[in-house]
Protein backbone atom coordinates (compact mmCIF):
# COMPACT_ATOMS: atom_id res chain seq x y z
CA MET A 1 71.25 -65.60 15.92
CA ALA A 2 70.92 -69.32 15.19
CA ARG A 3 74.06 -71.36 14.71
CA GLY A 4 74.87 -71.35 11.01
CA LEU A 5 74.55 -74.66 9.17
CA ASN A 6 75.04 -74.75 5.42
CA GLN A 7 75.36 -78.10 3.66
CA VAL A 8 74.67 -79.28 0.12
CA PHE A 9 74.90 -82.90 -1.04
CA LEU A 10 74.57 -83.83 -4.72
CA ILE A 11 74.92 -87.00 -6.75
CA GLY A 12 74.43 -86.51 -10.46
CA THR A 13 76.10 -86.96 -13.83
CA LEU A 14 78.32 -84.44 -15.57
CA THR A 15 76.54 -82.99 -18.61
CA ALA A 16 79.87 -81.99 -20.20
CA ARG A 17 83.58 -81.90 -19.49
CA PRO A 18 84.35 -79.42 -16.69
CA ASP A 19 85.53 -75.94 -17.59
CA MET A 20 88.75 -74.75 -15.94
CA ARG A 21 89.75 -71.11 -15.49
CA TYR A 22 92.03 -69.09 -13.21
CA THR A 23 91.52 -65.91 -11.23
CA ALA A 24 93.88 -62.97 -11.59
CA GLY A 25 95.60 -64.22 -8.44
CA GLY A 26 96.19 -67.66 -9.96
CA VAL A 27 93.49 -69.63 -8.10
CA ALA A 28 92.03 -72.46 -10.18
CA ILE A 29 88.24 -72.56 -10.60
CA LEU A 30 86.60 -75.67 -12.02
CA GLU A 31 83.00 -75.29 -13.25
CA LEU A 32 81.03 -78.53 -13.03
CA ASN A 33 77.58 -78.96 -14.56
CA LEU A 34 75.59 -81.74 -12.91
CA ALA A 35 72.18 -83.16 -13.84
CA GLY A 36 69.88 -85.59 -12.12
CA GLN A 37 66.29 -86.55 -11.46
CA ASP A 38 64.73 -86.35 -8.01
CA VAL A 39 61.96 -88.68 -6.90
CA VAL A 40 59.35 -86.52 -5.15
CA THR A 41 55.89 -87.22 -3.76
CA ASP A 42 53.17 -84.88 -5.02
CA GLY A 43 49.96 -83.83 -3.30
CA THR A 44 48.14 -86.98 -4.37
CA GLY A 45 50.78 -89.23 -2.84
CA GLN A 46 52.17 -90.26 -6.21
CA GLU A 47 55.90 -90.41 -6.88
CA ARG A 48 57.23 -88.25 -9.69
CA GLU A 49 60.67 -87.77 -11.21
CA VAL A 50 61.72 -84.13 -11.50
CA ALA A 51 64.81 -83.10 -13.47
CA TRP A 52 67.42 -80.72 -12.08
CA TYR A 53 70.57 -79.05 -13.37
CA HIS A 54 73.12 -77.43 -11.04
CA ARG A 55 76.41 -75.67 -11.62
CA VAL A 56 79.09 -76.34 -9.01
CA ARG A 57 82.32 -74.43 -8.44
CA LEU A 58 85.42 -76.17 -7.13
CA LEU A 59 88.45 -74.06 -6.22
CA GLY A 60 92.13 -74.52 -5.53
CA ARG A 61 94.17 -77.70 -5.55
CA GLN A 62 91.17 -80.01 -5.92
CA ALA A 63 90.16 -78.11 -9.06
CA GLU A 64 93.56 -78.67 -10.62
CA MET A 65 93.57 -82.32 -9.57
CA TRP A 66 90.21 -83.14 -11.19
CA GLY A 67 90.30 -80.75 -14.15
CA ASP A 68 91.77 -83.22 -16.67
CA VAL A 69 90.22 -86.37 -15.20
CA LEU A 70 86.46 -85.90 -15.28
CA GLU A 71 84.44 -86.58 -18.44
CA LYS A 72 80.88 -86.09 -19.64
CA GLY A 73 78.54 -88.68 -18.11
CA THR A 74 80.70 -89.34 -15.03
CA PRO A 75 78.58 -89.94 -11.89
CA LEU A 76 79.82 -87.53 -9.25
CA PHE A 77 79.32 -86.96 -5.53
CA VAL A 78 79.53 -83.36 -4.33
CA GLU A 79 79.68 -82.10 -0.76
CA GLY A 80 79.57 -78.35 -0.44
CA ARG A 81 77.63 -75.28 0.58
CA LEU A 82 75.58 -72.41 -0.78
CA GLU A 83 77.36 -69.09 -1.30
CA TYR A 84 75.57 -65.77 -1.70
CA ARG A 85 77.25 -63.10 -3.81
CA GLN A 86 76.04 -59.55 -4.48
CA TRP A 87 77.24 -56.90 -6.90
CA GLU A 88 76.02 -53.83 -8.79
CA ARG A 89 75.69 -53.48 -12.56
CA GLU A 90 74.67 -50.20 -14.21
CA GLY A 91 73.26 -48.94 -10.94
CA GLU A 92 71.16 -52.08 -10.37
CA LYS A 93 71.85 -54.49 -7.54
CA ARG A 94 72.33 -58.09 -8.61
CA SER A 95 73.00 -61.27 -6.65
CA GLU A 96 73.43 -64.99 -7.16
CA LEU A 97 73.42 -68.12 -5.05
CA VAL A 98 76.02 -70.65 -6.14
CA ILE A 99 77.10 -74.11 -5.02
CA ARG A 100 80.66 -74.09 -3.73
CA ALA A 101 82.12 -77.59 -3.53
CA ASP A 102 84.30 -78.54 -0.57
CA PHE A 103 84.82 -82.12 -1.76
CA ILE A 104 83.99 -84.14 -4.87
CA ASP A 105 84.52 -87.78 -5.79
CA PRO A 106 83.64 -89.74 -8.93
CA LEU A 107 81.35 -92.74 -8.37
CA GLU A 108 81.20 -96.12 -10.03
CA GLY A 109 78.93 -95.95 -13.06
CA ARG A 110 77.99 -99.62 -13.25
CA GLY A 111 74.33 -100.28 -12.57
CA ARG A 112 73.29 -96.62 -12.74
CA GLU A 113 70.48 -95.54 -15.02
CA THR A 114 70.63 -92.24 -16.91
CA GLN A 115 68.23 -90.47 -19.22
CA GLU A 116 69.20 -88.08 -22.01
CA ASP A 117 67.45 -84.75 -22.37
CA ALA A 118 66.63 -82.96 -25.63
CA ARG A 119 70.18 -81.59 -25.81
CA GLY A 120 71.78 -85.00 -25.37
CA GLN A 121 72.84 -84.32 -21.79
CA PRO A 122 72.78 -87.33 -19.44
CA ARG A 123 70.68 -87.04 -16.27
CA LEU A 124 71.13 -89.54 -13.45
CA ARG A 125 67.88 -91.16 -12.36
CA ARG A 126 67.21 -91.34 -8.61
CA ALA A 127 69.94 -88.83 -7.96
CA LEU A 128 70.73 -87.02 -4.72
CA ASN A 129 69.84 -83.35 -4.28
CA GLN A 130 69.70 -82.33 -0.61
CA VAL A 131 70.21 -79.07 1.22
CA ILE A 132 70.37 -78.65 5.03
CA LEU A 133 70.38 -75.11 6.41
CA MET A 134 70.08 -73.48 9.81
CA GLY A 135 69.48 -69.76 10.12
CA ASN A 136 67.02 -66.98 10.90
CA LEU A 137 64.04 -65.60 9.01
CA THR A 138 64.79 -62.26 7.37
CA ARG A 139 61.11 -61.31 7.07
CA ASP A 140 57.65 -62.53 8.03
CA PRO A 141 56.43 -65.42 5.85
CA ASP A 142 54.46 -64.60 2.69
CA LEU A 143 51.65 -67.17 2.64
CA ARG A 144 49.44 -67.30 -0.46
CA TYR A 145 47.07 -69.69 -2.18
CA THR A 146 46.99 -70.84 -5.79
CA PRO A 147 43.74 -70.58 -7.80
CA GLN A 148 43.20 -74.25 -6.92
CA GLY A 149 43.36 -73.41 -3.20
CA THR A 150 46.79 -74.89 -2.45
CA ALA A 151 48.84 -73.09 0.20
CA VAL A 152 52.34 -71.95 -0.75
CA VAL A 153 54.74 -69.90 1.33
CA ARG A 154 58.01 -68.15 0.59
CA LEU A 155 60.56 -67.53 3.34
CA GLY A 156 63.83 -65.63 3.43
CA LEU A 157 66.58 -67.30 5.45
CA ALA A 158 69.84 -65.73 6.62
CA VAL A 159 72.57 -68.31 7.24
CA ASN A 160 75.60 -67.08 9.17
CA GLU A 161 78.94 -68.73 8.53
CA ARG A 162 82.36 -68.29 10.10
CA ARG A 163 85.37 -69.56 8.24
CA SER A 164 88.97 -69.71 9.33
CA SER A 165 91.83 -68.79 7.02
CA PRO A 166 95.04 -70.39 8.33
CA ALA A 167 98.18 -69.17 6.63
CA SER A 168 99.06 -72.75 5.74
CA ARG A 169 95.96 -73.14 3.54
CA SER A 170 95.22 -71.49 0.22
CA GLU A 171 91.47 -71.87 0.77
CA PRO A 172 89.40 -71.02 3.87
CA ARG A 173 87.68 -73.85 5.70
CA ALA A 174 84.44 -73.98 7.67
CA VAL A 175 84.82 -74.31 11.42
CA PRO A 176 82.23 -74.79 14.15
CA LEU A 177 81.21 -71.62 15.92
CA GLY A 178 83.14 -71.16 19.12
CA GLU A 179 86.44 -72.64 17.96
CA GLY A 180 89.60 -70.57 18.31
CA GLY A 181 91.61 -68.98 15.53
CA PRO A 182 90.99 -66.06 13.14
CA LYS A 183 87.59 -66.14 11.44
CA ALA A 184 85.72 -64.20 8.79
CA GLU A 185 81.95 -64.10 9.13
CA ARG A 186 79.62 -64.08 6.13
CA THR A 187 75.86 -64.17 5.78
CA HIS A 188 74.21 -66.12 2.96
CA PHE A 189 70.64 -65.19 2.00
CA VAL A 190 68.52 -68.08 0.72
CA GLU A 191 64.92 -68.14 -0.54
CA VAL A 192 62.93 -71.20 0.53
CA GLN A 193 59.45 -72.41 -0.40
CA ALA A 194 56.94 -74.85 1.10
CA TRP A 195 53.55 -76.21 0.03
CA ARG A 196 50.28 -77.34 1.59
CA GLU A 197 50.20 -78.21 5.32
CA LEU A 198 53.86 -77.34 5.74
CA ALA A 199 53.22 -73.94 4.14
CA GLU A 200 50.32 -73.19 6.47
CA TRP A 201 52.38 -74.19 9.51
CA ALA A 202 55.27 -72.03 8.31
CA GLY A 203 52.88 -69.11 7.79
CA GLU A 204 52.70 -68.71 11.58
CA LEU A 205 56.44 -68.06 11.91
CA LYS A 206 57.84 -64.61 12.57
CA LYS A 207 60.81 -62.58 11.36
CA GLY A 208 63.89 -63.52 13.39
CA ASP A 209 62.77 -67.09 14.19
CA GLY A 210 65.57 -69.64 14.13
CA LEU A 211 64.91 -72.53 11.74
CA LEU A 212 66.36 -75.83 10.57
CA VAL A 213 65.31 -76.53 6.98
CA ILE A 214 65.83 -79.59 4.79
CA GLY A 215 64.90 -79.72 1.12
CA ARG A 216 66.00 -79.89 -2.48
CA LEU A 217 67.68 -77.19 -4.53
CA VAL A 218 65.73 -75.91 -7.54
CA ASN A 219 66.16 -73.15 -10.12
CA ASP A 220 63.37 -70.72 -10.97
CA SER A 221 63.03 -68.40 -13.95
CA TRP A 222 60.68 -65.52 -14.72
CA THR A 223 60.33 -62.54 -17.06
CA ALA A 224 61.20 -59.17 -15.54
CA GLN A 225 59.34 -55.93 -16.29
CA ASP A 226 61.93 -54.99 -18.91
CA GLY A 227 61.29 -58.28 -20.75
CA THR A 228 64.57 -59.94 -19.80
CA ARG A 229 64.67 -63.47 -18.47
CA ARG A 230 65.81 -63.73 -14.85
CA TYR A 231 66.87 -66.73 -12.81
CA THR A 232 67.05 -67.51 -9.11
CA THR A 233 67.93 -70.50 -6.96
CA ARG A 234 65.78 -71.54 -4.00
CA VAL A 235 65.21 -74.48 -1.67
CA GLU A 236 61.99 -76.52 -1.94
CA LEU A 237 61.28 -77.68 1.60
CA SER A 238 60.52 -81.22 2.68
CA ARG A 239 61.07 -80.59 6.40
CA LEU A 240 61.04 -77.53 8.64
CA GLU A 241 61.85 -77.24 12.35
CA ARG A 242 61.62 -74.17 14.58
CA LEU A 243 64.54 -73.87 16.99
CA ALA A 244 63.85 -73.50 20.71
CA ARG A 245 66.73 -71.05 20.86
CA GLY A 246 68.57 -68.94 18.34
CA THR A 247 65.82 -66.48 17.36
CA GLY A 248 66.60 -62.92 16.59
CA GLN A 249 64.38 -61.84 19.50
CA SER A 250 65.20 -61.58 23.19
CA THR A 251 63.05 -64.58 24.09
CA GLY A 252 63.30 -68.09 22.70
CA GLY A 253 60.56 -70.39 21.50
CA ASN A 254 58.58 -72.35 24.07
CA SER A 255 57.77 -76.05 24.32
CA SER A 256 54.23 -75.63 23.08
CA GLN A 257 55.55 -74.05 19.87
CA MET A 258 57.89 -77.00 19.39
CA ALA A 259 55.13 -79.57 19.91
CA SER A 260 53.49 -79.12 16.51
CA THR A 261 52.26 -82.20 14.71
CA ALA A 262 54.52 -84.19 12.40
CA LYS A 263 52.59 -83.19 9.30
CA GLY A 264 53.30 -79.58 10.18
CA ARG A 265 57.01 -80.17 9.75
CA ALA A 266 57.22 -82.48 6.75
CA GLY A 267 55.54 -81.69 3.46
CA LYS A 268 55.02 -82.69 -0.15
CA VAL A 269 55.92 -80.69 -3.23
CA ASP A 270 53.63 -79.36 -5.90
CA ILE A 271 54.74 -79.64 -9.50
CA GLU A 272 51.73 -78.77 -11.64
CA GLU A 273 49.97 -75.87 -9.96
CA GLY A 274 50.80 -72.29 -10.84
CA LEU A 275 50.15 -69.02 -9.08
CA GLU A 276 47.70 -66.33 -10.09
CA ASP A 277 50.47 -63.75 -10.44
CA ASP A 278 54.25 -63.59 -10.30
CA PHE A 279 55.43 -64.93 -6.94
CA PRO A 280 57.24 -63.50 -5.18
CA PRO A 281 57.00 -59.85 -6.44
CA GLU A 282 60.06 -58.79 -8.36
CA GLU A 283 61.15 -56.37 -5.64
CA ASP A 284 61.36 -59.27 -3.18
CA LEU A 285 63.64 -61.37 -5.38
CA PRO A 286 67.40 -61.29 -4.82
CA PHE A 287 68.12 -59.68 -8.22
């Protein structure tokens, strides 16, 4: 297995005052709603601004410290990670991918430009929305083409994480693999997507390959067969690297596999084009 790496960095504005609640065990949970606009380069080489909205969970002492301080419109830096959670409701398996904050800090608002959406929520222009993950492919890539002929691929990534839980801390902390002390291991399952040349390069990968991925976090929605609206969170890739070691197979990658061209590892996003049918199929989605 590849060494687990799971990092999320956000800079955005709060769309409302945070919502504080407590678990049955008395742990504080602060729900933060952040909004921003990413600057992305489309297939024509033109820069576009794309809006995003993310919900962030902050737990423990930090939650209590910031609960009564933060206000709507505050620019905020978030450092955290993605957490995968699965449960069953009425016999149907459900799951969600949430952003768990490890650290937050308000930023100076002077000189920052925001834009209000139709609901009056402020979005920070030229925000930060970056995800860095290292893990293994859970299945072979699903490479398809839009009606316009643009390549798009969906990948499933398993990110392993070990966290220590010292008795002196109320919250577990991430530790590098190999360090001493008691650890609990979890696996987070993340859907990732790439377009164009990057998608075609990724289409040659195999289940079990170890990967380093860098991209932006986006939210998708679709209509299920029963007519209900469903939502999922995925990573839109801007860079993809195959690891020389850390595959799920007995042999590692070789130097010729690692010597792919630069354009095969960095890509552009597609905003306008749609797919001929629902993608991925509902049975492949983590809900």
